[in-house]
Amino acid sequence: MNTPRIVSARTSASVRSPIIVNQLGAEVGAALSDHWSRPLIVDHPPERPAWDIAPEADVLLTRPAAGWSKAPADKPKGWPYGLRWIQTASTGVDFFPEWLLDGPVVTVGRGISADAIAEYVLAAILGFAKRLHDVRPRNRAEWKISSLGSLAGKTVGIAGFGAIGHAVAERLKPFGVQIRVLRRSPWQYAVPGILPVDSIEALVAASDHLVIALPATPETVHLINAEVLTRAKKSLHLINVARGRIVDQEALLRALDNGQLAGATLDVTDPEPPPEGDPIYRHPKIVLTPHVSWTGADDVKRLADKTLVNLDAYAHGAPLADVFDKKLGY
């Protein structure tokens, strides 16, 4: 491995002036370069493997799209070199090799894209209810009055109540829906407008729209499976903005074909992307998007701001925010 040698000054004995390998793009790098800790920003060449970094680096800023899908199963010789902190742009860490998570402290991009994803969910729910594309006339003969749906009085179930789940719930409240939520952690207090449920079966059975916003962990793989889908209302609309593997995709397709539920909006799949010829591409009851729900907001600025907050803490030797918990898996 041919990694560059870097020399950097330190500001003082009490403040770290870090060497940062940046795989998050020029905008994030520019925001960090003006930090008071006087960091040395090393832009990572896109043709270089994501894990092939300068051994003198203290900090790695990375994202799944930096090429981690091609990472070796075993950690490279010498890893993690001099790294003390790894900041990821993503909330989920399932795209990274396990050895990345078993070393320096890893902080995640929790909440960065929550608003954009919540807007996507709201668009999916309204699109399903109002059917604007279905009722659009292409000629005079198709000019007919067709009854549209409504959200009033409907139940929206949210599986997962982190930043995304919260953002979805807040946007739904003005529509007069009942919001039911399943979360992993115990409920410490009542949340206005939210009805907690204690099982995925109960959530599926109650929901007209079901939002999957859970982290991908061994416990959530195929949480939505054939048996669970038998509890669904025939009117159920499932929306997955989390990870494809949480839903048993074959079971979902069978349930849609059999009329066990009404439709699905999928921004994630398993595998991702689906192979050529997969029926998911043309299924009449599925709206499929290529993992884009997180885009459209000031996600780069939010990522830079979050990283700057943690850079403040890192330079002072203080605890970092949004640290990945290996026991929880997120």
Protein backbone atom coordinates (compact mmCIF):
# COMPACT_ATOMS: atom_id res chain seq x y z
CA MET A 1 0.00 0.00 0.00
CA ASN A 2 1.49 3.32 -1.08
CA THR A 3 0.12 5.93 1.27
CA PRO A 4 1.36 9.51 1.42
CA ARG A 5 3.49 10.74 4.30
CA ILE A 6 2.13 13.83 5.98
CA VAL A 7 3.64 16.26 8.43
CA SER A 8 1.38 18.47 10.53
CA ALA A 9 1.90 21.02 13.28
CA ARG A 10 0.00 20.94 16.55
CA THR A 11 -1.59 24.05 17.98
CA SER A 12 -0.87 23.32 21.64
CA ALA A 13 -0.51 20.50 24.12
CA SER A 14 -4.19 20.77 25.07
CA VAL A 15 -5.75 21.14 21.60
CA ARG A 16 -5.41 18.54 18.85
CA SER A 17 -4.79 19.84 15.33
CA PRO A 18 -5.98 16.76 13.49
CA ILE A 19 -5.07 15.27 10.14
CA ILE A 20 -8.39 14.49 8.46
CA VAL A 21 -8.86 12.20 5.46
CA ASN A 22 -11.94 13.54 3.68
CA GLN A 23 -14.11 11.23 1.56
CA LEU A 24 -17.22 13.42 1.88
CA GLY A 25 -16.54 15.91 -0.89
CA ALA A 26 -15.20 19.42 -1.37
CA GLU A 27 -18.06 21.25 0.40
CA VAL A 28 -17.53 19.37 3.66
CA GLY A 29 -13.76 19.75 3.33
CA ALA A 30 -14.07 23.51 2.83
CA ALA A 31 -16.32 23.86 5.89
CA LEU A 32 -13.84 21.97 8.06
CA SER A 33 -10.72 23.72 6.77
CA ASP A 34 -11.67 26.95 8.58
CA HIS A 35 -12.10 25.23 11.93
CA TRP A 36 -10.23 26.81 14.83
CA SER A 37 -8.26 23.59 15.46
CA ARG A 38 -6.40 24.21 12.19
CA PRO A 39 -6.96 20.73 10.75
CA LEU A 40 -5.00 19.44 7.79
CA ILE A 41 -7.61 18.21 5.29
CA VAL A 42 -6.44 15.44 2.97
CA ASP A 43 -8.83 14.90 0.07
CA HIS A 44 -9.04 11.19 -0.70
CA PRO A 45 -8.54 10.38 -4.42
CA PRO A 46 -11.68 8.65 -5.72
CA GLU A 47 -9.64 5.96 -7.47
CA ARG A 48 -7.93 4.96 -4.20
CA PRO A 49 -9.63 2.28 -2.04
CA ALA A 50 -11.56 3.89 0.82
CA TRP A 51 -9.48 2.05 3.42
CA ASP A 52 -6.13 2.98 1.83
CA ILE A 53 -5.47 6.09 3.87
CA ALA A 54 -2.47 7.95 5.17
CA PRO A 55 -1.21 6.18 8.31
CA GLU A 56 -0.64 9.55 10.02
CA ALA A 57 -4.33 10.47 9.79
CA ASP A 58 -6.24 10.98 13.02
CA VAL A 59 -9.73 11.23 11.52
CA LEU A 60 -11.55 9.58 8.62
CA LEU A 61 -14.69 11.13 7.12
CA THR A 62 -16.42 8.56 4.95
CA ARG A 63 -19.65 7.31 3.40
CA PRO A 64 -20.79 3.93 2.02
CA ALA A 65 -20.53 5.23 -1.55
CA ALA A 66 -16.79 5.80 -1.11
CA GLY A 67 -16.29 2.19 -2.22
CA TRP A 68 -16.80 0.16 0.94
CA SER A 69 -18.83 -2.46 -0.92
CA LYS A 70 -15.50 -3.73 -2.29
CA ALA A 71 -13.73 -3.80 1.07
CA PRO A 72 -11.89 -7.03 1.97
CA ALA A 73 -13.47 -9.35 4.52
CA ASP A 74 -10.39 -9.13 6.72
CA LYS A 75 -9.03 -5.82 7.89
CA PRO A 76 -5.97 -4.53 6.02
CA LYS A 77 -2.58 -4.96 7.61
CA GLY A 78 -1.96 -2.18 10.09
CA TRP A 79 -5.59 -1.01 10.24
CA PRO A 80 -6.71 1.30 11.82
CA TYR A 81 -3.24 2.89 11.54
CA GLY A 82 -3.33 6.12 13.57
CA LEU A 83 -7.08 6.70 13.38
CA ARG A 84 -8.81 7.89 16.52
CA TRP A 85 -12.20 8.80 15.09
CA ILE A 86 -14.31 7.81 12.07
CA GLN A 87 -17.29 9.95 11.04
CA THR A 88 -19.78 8.40 8.60
CA ALA A 89 -22.29 10.31 6.51
CA SER A 90 -24.89 7.56 6.87
CA THR A 91 -27.07 6.69 9.82
CA GLY A 92 -26.87 2.97 9.12
CA VAL A 93 -23.53 1.18 9.17
CA ASP A 94 -24.52 -2.07 7.47
CA PHE A 95 -22.72 -1.07 4.26
CA PHE A 96 -19.37 -1.06 6.07
CA PRO A 97 -17.14 -4.06 6.88
CA GLU A 98 -17.26 -5.22 10.50
CA TRP A 99 -13.61 -4.37 11.05
CA LEU A 100 -14.33 -0.68 10.40
CA LEU A 101 -16.64 -0.70 13.41
CA ASP A 102 -14.26 -2.57 15.69
CA GLY A 103 -11.58 -0.02 16.39
CA PRO A 104 -11.64 3.78 16.70
CA VAL A 105 -14.82 5.47 17.85
CA VAL A 106 -17.35 5.66 15.00
CA THR A 107 -19.93 8.44 14.85
CA VAL A 108 -22.87 8.34 12.45
CA GLY A 109 -24.93 10.84 10.49
CA ARG A 110 -28.01 10.36 12.64
CA GLY A 111 -30.79 12.79 11.80
CA ILE A 112 -29.06 14.50 8.87
CA SER A 113 -31.60 13.33 6.30
CA ALA A 114 -34.60 12.91 8.60
CA ASP A 115 -36.53 15.88 7.19
CA ALA A 116 -35.97 14.88 3.56
CA ILE A 117 -36.98 11.28 4.25
CA ALA A 118 -40.06 12.39 6.18
CA GLU A 119 -41.13 14.52 3.20
CA TYR A 120 -40.68 11.49 0.92
CA VAL A 121 -42.88 9.43 3.25
CA LEU A 122 -45.57 12.10 3.28
CA ALA A 123 -45.46 12.31 -0.51
CA ALA A 124 -45.79 8.52 -0.73
CA ILE A 125 -48.79 8.47 1.60
CA LEU A 126 -50.56 11.34 -0.14
CA GLY A 127 -49.73 9.93 -3.56
CA PHE A 128 -51.22 6.58 -2.62
CA ALA A 129 -54.36 8.17 -1.13
CA LYS A 130 -55.01 10.73 -3.86
CA ARG A 131 -54.01 8.61 -6.92
CA LEU A 132 -53.35 11.67 -9.07
CA HIS A 133 -51.45 9.70 -11.70
CA ASP A 134 -54.17 7.04 -11.86
CA VAL A 135 -57.04 9.45 -12.45
CA ARG A 136 -55.20 11.62 -14.97
CA PRO A 137 -57.14 11.55 -18.28
CA ARG A 138 -55.15 10.96 -21.47
CA ASN A 139 -58.12 11.71 -23.75
CA ARG A 140 -61.73 12.96 -23.67
CA ALA A 141 -63.16 9.47 -23.12
CA GLU A 142 -61.15 9.15 -19.89
CA TRP A 143 -62.54 12.39 -18.47
CA LYS A 144 -64.48 10.82 -15.60
CA ILE A 145 -65.16 11.67 -11.99
CA SER A 146 -63.32 9.25 -9.73
CA SER A 147 -63.40 9.32 -5.95
CA LEU A 148 -60.06 10.05 -4.29
CA GLY A 149 -58.95 8.79 -0.92
CA SER A 150 -58.29 10.74 2.26
CA LEU A 151 -55.96 10.61 5.23
CA ALA A 152 -58.57 11.76 7.73
CA GLY A 153 -59.37 8.97 10.16
CA LYS A 154 -56.65 6.67 8.84
CA THR A 155 -54.00 4.99 10.96
CA VAL A 156 -50.33 5.40 10.13
CA GLY A 157 -47.99 2.94 11.78
CA ILE A 158 -44.34 3.83 12.22
CA ALA A 159 -41.84 1.06 12.97
CA GLY A 160 -38.88 2.84 14.52
CA PHE A 161 -38.98 6.13 16.39
CA GLY A 162 -35.59 7.70 15.91
CA ALA A 163 -35.02 10.98 14.09
CA ILE A 164 -36.85 9.78 10.96
CA GLY A 165 -39.83 8.39 12.87
CA HIS A 166 -40.17 11.61 14.84
CA ALA A 167 -39.99 13.75 11.69
CA VAL A 168 -42.64 11.61 9.96
CA ALA A 169 -44.97 11.81 12.96
CA GLU A 170 -44.73 15.59 13.24
CA ARG A 171 -45.63 16.04 9.58
CA LEU A 172 -48.58 13.69 9.81
CA LYS A 173 -50.31 15.23 12.83
CA PRO A 174 -52.08 18.04 10.92
CA PHE A 175 -53.78 15.49 8.64
CA GLY A 176 -56.02 14.08 11.34
CA VAL A 177 -54.53 10.59 11.32
CA GLN A 178 -54.02 8.25 14.22
CA ILE A 179 -50.30 7.57 14.68
CA ARG A 180 -49.14 4.32 16.22
CA VAL A 181 -45.48 3.63 16.88
CA LEU A 182 -43.36 0.59 17.63
CA ARG A 183 -39.96 1.35 19.10
CA ARG A 184 -37.17 -0.82 20.47
CA SER A 185 -36.50 1.25 23.59
CA PRO A 186 -39.05 1.37 26.42
CA TRP A 187 -41.40 4.35 26.47
CA GLN A 188 -40.28 6.58 29.33
CA TYR A 189 -43.13 9.09 28.91
CA ALA A 190 -46.22 9.69 26.81
CA VAL A 191 -45.73 11.51 23.50
CA PRO A 192 -48.72 13.71 22.55
CA GLY A 193 -50.55 12.35 19.53
CA ILE A 194 -48.70 9.01 19.55
CA LEU A 195 -50.13 5.63 20.54
CA PRO A 196 -47.40 3.08 21.35
CA VAL A 197 -47.78 -0.57 20.35
CA ASP A 198 -45.80 -3.48 21.69
CA SER A 199 -45.36 -5.73 18.64
CA ILE A 200 -44.88 -5.55 14.89
CA GLU A 201 -47.95 -7.79 14.48
CA ALA A 202 -50.13 -5.29 16.32
CA LEU A 203 -48.70 -2.41 14.30
CA VAL A 204 -49.31 -4.13 10.95
CA ALA A 205 -52.86 -5.12 11.92
CA ALA A 206 -53.80 -1.55 12.88
CA SER A 207 -52.17 0.37 10.02
CA ASP A 208 -53.55 1.77 6.78
CA HIS A 209 -50.07 3.04 5.96
CA LEU A 210 -47.02 1.39 7.51
CA VAL A 211 -43.67 3.22 7.55
CA ILE A 212 -40.52 1.15 8.07
CA ALA A 213 -37.89 3.39 9.70
CA LEU A 214 -35.92 0.87 11.75
CA PRO A 215 -32.15 0.33 11.76
CA ALA A 216 -30.87 -2.80 10.03
CA THR A 217 -29.71 -5.21 12.74
CA PRO A 218 -29.75 -9.00 13.02
CA GLU A 219 -33.00 -8.66 14.98
CA THR A 220 -34.77 -6.68 12.24
CA VAL A 221 -33.87 -8.85 9.23
CA HIS A 222 -37.19 -10.01 7.66
CA LEU A 223 -39.13 -8.46 10.51
CA ILE A 224 -41.82 -7.96 7.88
CA ASN A 225 -42.36 -11.54 6.72
CA ALA A 226 -45.11 -13.75 5.33
CA GLU A 227 -46.61 -14.52 8.74
CA VAL A 228 -46.67 -10.85 9.79
CA LEU A 229 -48.24 -9.82 6.47
CA THR A 230 -51.19 -12.13 7.09
CA ARG A 231 -52.22 -9.65 9.82
CA ALA A 232 -52.42 -6.75 7.36
CA LYS A 233 -55.57 -4.99 6.26
CA LYS A 234 -56.24 -5.44 2.55
CA SER A 235 -55.96 -1.65 2.31
CA LEU A 236 -52.44 -1.54 3.77
CA HIS A 237 -49.81 0.57 2.01
CA LEU A 238 -46.27 -0.32 3.11
CA ILE A 239 -43.46 2.25 2.83
CA ASN A 240 -39.84 1.21 3.36
CA VAL A 241 -37.24 3.97 3.77
CA ALA A 242 -34.95 1.98 6.04
CA ARG A 243 -33.17 -1.07 4.59
CA GLY A 244 -34.42 -3.64 2.10
CA ARG A 245 -33.52 -6.64 4.23
CA ILE A 246 -36.05 -5.66 6.91
CA VAL A 247 -38.78 -6.78 4.51
CA ASP A 248 -38.94 -10.31 3.11
CA GLN A 249 -39.24 -9.14 -0.47
CA GLU A 250 -40.55 -12.42 -1.89
CA ALA A 251 -43.21 -12.57 0.82
CA LEU A 252 -44.18 -8.97 0.06
CA LEU A 253 -44.57 -9.71 -3.66
CA ARG A 254 -46.74 -12.76 -2.92
CA ALA A 255 -48.89 -10.73 -0.52
CA LEU A 256 -49.40 -8.02 -3.14
CA ASP A 257 -50.25 -10.60 -5.80
CA ASN A 258 -52.71 -12.33 -3.46
CA GLY A 259 -54.43 -9.09 -2.45
CA GLN A 260 -53.29 -9.34 1.17
CA LEU A 261 -52.30 -5.68 1.02
CA ALA A 262 -52.92 -2.85 -1.40
CA GLY A 263 -49.53 -1.48 -2.32
CA ALA A 264 -45.96 -0.63 -1.41
CA THR A 265 -43.58 2.28 -1.86
CA LEU A 266 -40.01 1.02 -1.69
CA ASP A 267 -36.96 3.28 -1.64
CA VAL A 268 -34.76 0.36 -0.58
CA THR A 269 -34.57 -3.25 -1.75
CA ASP A 270 -32.76 -6.50 -1.04
CA PRO A 271 -30.45 -6.77 -2.89
CA GLU A 272 -29.87 -3.20 -3.94
CA PRO A 273 -30.29 -2.64 -6.80
CA PRO A 274 -32.51 -5.63 -7.67
CA PRO A 275 -31.19 -7.90 -10.43
CA GLU A 276 -32.25 -7.35 -14.02
CA GLY A 277 -35.66 -8.87 -14.67
CA ASP A 278 -36.77 -8.79 -11.03
CA PRO A 279 -40.61 -8.44 -10.95
CA ILE A 280 -40.25 -5.62 -8.45
CA TYR A 281 -39.39 -3.26 -11.32
CA ARG A 282 -42.74 -3.59 -13.09
CA HIS A 283 -45.11 -4.64 -10.33
CA PRO A 284 -48.33 -2.61 -10.72
CA LYS A 285 -48.78 -2.22 -6.96
CA ILE A 286 -45.21 -1.05 -6.23
CA VAL A 287 -43.75 2.43 -6.51
CA LEU A 288 -39.99 1.82 -6.64
CA THR A 289 -37.34 4.53 -6.20
CA PRO A 290 -33.54 4.04 -6.24
CA HIS A 291 -32.68 4.89 -2.60
CA VAL A 292 -33.16 8.62 -3.05
CA SER A 293 -35.46 9.52 -0.14
CA TRP A 294 -32.54 11.08 1.78
CA THR A 295 -31.80 13.62 -0.97
CA GLY A 296 -33.29 17.01 -1.65
CA ALA A 297 -32.54 18.89 1.56
CA ASP A 298 -29.42 20.66 2.79
CA ASP A 299 -27.94 17.27 3.65
CA VAL A 300 -24.36 18.29 2.81
CA LYS A 301 -24.56 21.39 4.99
CA ARG A 302 -26.16 19.39 7.80
CA LEU A 303 -23.42 16.78 7.53
CA ALA A 304 -20.75 19.50 7.64
CA ASP A 305 -22.42 21.12 10.67
CA LYS A 306 -22.66 17.80 12.52
CA THR A 307 -19.02 17.03 11.75
CA LEU A 308 -17.96 20.49 12.95
CA VAL A 309 -19.71 19.92 16.28
CA ASN A 310 -17.87 16.65 16.73
CA LEU A 311 -14.60 18.23 15.57
CA ASP A 312 -14.98 20.78 18.38
CA ALA A 313 -15.38 17.93 20.86
CA TYR A 314 -12.54 15.90 19.36
CA ALA A 315 -10.09 18.82 19.45
CA HIS A 316 -10.89 19.38 23.12
CA GLY A 317 -10.77 15.67 23.98
CA ALA A 318 -14.47 15.73 24.91
CA PRO A 319 -17.04 12.96 24.20
CA LEU A 320 -18.35 12.81 20.63
CA ALA A 321 -22.04 12.86 19.67
CA ASP A 322 -24.01 10.14 17.85
CA VAL A 323 -21.53 7.38 18.61
CA PHE A 324 -22.27 4.00 17.02
CA ASP A 325 -23.24 1.44 19.67
CA LYS A 326 -21.93 -1.97 18.70
CA LYS A 327 -24.25 -3.76 21.13
CA LEU A 328 -27.35 -2.12 19.64
CA GLY A 329 -26.07 -2.25 16.07
CA TYR A 330 -26.78 1.43 15.34
